[in-house]
Amino acid sequence: MTVAALAVLAVGTYLMRLVPLMAHDRMSLSARTIRLVELGAVALLVALTATGTWFEGDAFAGWARPAAVLVAGVAAWKRLPFIVVVLLAAGTAAGLRLVGVP
């Protein structure tokens, strides 16, 4: 059963990526539809970031993780190199946990 489910998901993913390439010239979307798809992608990323920041499973993740995400957000906003953003966030979380902040 698991192999069949994985095969179906693999084929579905492949088709989801192939169909837009094949239908690009035959089909056009309105500017409003394109804008809604873009906003949907942004909303999905915000939701994933929020749940990953604040929750671990079904419990609160503690204050170190949101603080690290905040530091990373500010560093990215300041357009620091990606590796610096990651190191600042990891250092913030590690430092706060070292001093006892959950």
Protein backbone atom coordinates (compact mmCIF):
# COMPACT_ATOMS: atom_id res chain seq x y z
CA MET A 1 0.00 0.00 0.00
CA THR A 2 2.79 2.44 0.86
CA VAL A 3 4.61 1.83 -2.44
CA ALA A 4 1.40 2.43 -4.39
CA ALA A 5 0.71 5.66 -2.49
CA LEU A 6 4.25 6.88 -3.12
CA ALA A 7 3.95 6.04 -6.80
CA VAL A 8 0.67 7.95 -7.10
CA LEU A 9 2.15 10.96 -5.30
CA ALA A 10 5.28 10.85 -7.48
CA VAL A 11 3.25 10.75 -10.70
CA GLY A 12 0.96 13.52 -9.41
CA THR A 13 3.92 15.72 -8.55
CA TYR A 14 5.51 15.09 -11.92
CA LEU A 15 2.27 15.98 -13.72
CA MET A 16 1.79 19.12 -11.63
CA ARG A 17 5.17 20.31 -12.84
CA LEU A 18 4.76 19.13 -16.44
CA VAL A 19 1.25 20.40 -17.24
CA PRO A 20 2.05 24.14 -16.87
CA LEU A 21 5.04 23.74 -19.18
CA MET A 22 2.93 21.94 -21.79
CA ALA A 23 -0.10 24.26 -21.52
CA HIS A 24 1.77 27.55 -21.24
CA ASP A 25 1.27 28.59 -24.87
CA ARG A 26 -2.30 27.25 -25.10
CA MET A 27 -3.72 28.87 -22.02
CA SER A 28 -3.53 32.32 -20.49
CA LEU A 29 -4.46 33.45 -17.01
CA SER A 30 -5.83 36.82 -16.08
CA ALA A 31 -3.68 39.24 -14.14
CA ARG A 32 -6.01 38.83 -11.17
CA THR A 33 -5.58 35.03 -11.17
CA ILE A 34 -1.81 35.35 -11.34
CA ARG A 35 -1.86 37.84 -8.46
CA LEU A 36 -4.05 35.52 -6.35
CA VAL A 37 -1.69 32.59 -6.95
CA GLU A 38 1.28 34.76 -5.93
CA LEU A 39 -0.51 35.89 -2.77
CA GLY A 40 -1.45 32.31 -1.99
CA ALA A 41 2.20 31.28 -2.16
CA VAL A 42 3.18 34.11 0.17
CA ALA A 43 0.41 33.19 2.61
CA LEU A 44 1.55 29.57 2.61
CA LEU A 45 5.15 30.56 3.37
CA VAL A 46 4.02 32.87 6.18
CA ALA A 47 1.87 30.12 7.69
CA LEU A 48 4.71 27.58 7.53
CA THR A 49 7.12 30.05 9.10
CA ALA A 50 4.67 30.95 11.86
CA THR A 51 3.86 27.38 12.82
CA GLY A 52 7.50 26.34 12.62
CA THR A 53 8.51 29.31 14.76
CA TRP A 54 5.96 29.08 17.55
CA PHE A 55 5.10 25.39 17.80
CA GLU A 56 6.91 22.10 18.20
CA GLY A 57 4.33 19.38 17.69
CA ASP A 58 1.27 20.63 19.53
CA ALA A 59 3.14 22.57 22.23
CA PHE A 60 4.81 25.98 22.44
CA ALA A 61 8.39 25.79 21.16
CA GLY A 62 9.83 28.20 23.73
CA TRP A 63 11.21 31.71 23.36
CA ALA A 64 14.62 30.90 21.89
CA ARG A 65 13.23 29.86 18.51
CA PRO A 66 11.04 32.97 17.92
CA ALA A 67 13.95 35.17 18.99
CA ALA A 68 16.23 33.41 16.51
CA VAL A 69 13.67 33.84 13.72
CA LEU A 70 13.36 37.52 14.58
CA VAL A 71 17.15 37.96 14.42
CA ALA A 72 17.21 36.10 11.10
CA GLY A 73 14.40 38.27 9.74
CA VAL A 74 16.21 41.47 10.65
CA ALA A 75 19.48 40.17 9.21
CA ALA A 76 17.74 39.18 5.96
CA TRP A 77 16.00 42.56 5.83
CA LYS A 78 19.42 44.20 6.14
CA ARG A 79 20.45 42.04 3.16
CA LEU A 80 23.25 40.23 4.94
CA PRO A 81 24.65 37.14 3.20
CA PHE A 82 22.57 34.00 3.73
CA ILE A 83 25.27 32.17 5.68
CA VAL A 84 25.50 35.12 8.07
CA VAL A 85 21.72 35.07 8.54
CA VAL A 86 21.80 31.36 9.36
CA LEU A 87 24.75 31.70 11.72
CA LEU A 88 23.16 34.64 13.54
CA ALA A 89 19.90 32.75 14.00
CA ALA A 90 21.64 29.58 15.16
CA GLY A 91 23.88 31.55 17.50
CA THR A 92 20.91 33.39 18.97
CA ALA A 93 18.98 30.19 19.64
CA ALA A 94 22.05 28.42 21.04
CA GLY A 95 23.02 31.35 23.23
CA LEU A 96 19.53 31.75 24.67
CA ARG A 97 19.26 28.05 25.36
CA LEU A 98 22.70 28.07 26.97
CA VAL A 99 21.54 30.67 29.50
CA GLY A 100 18.36 28.70 30.22
CA VAL A 101 15.73 30.25 27.95
CA PRO A 102 13.58 27.43 26.60
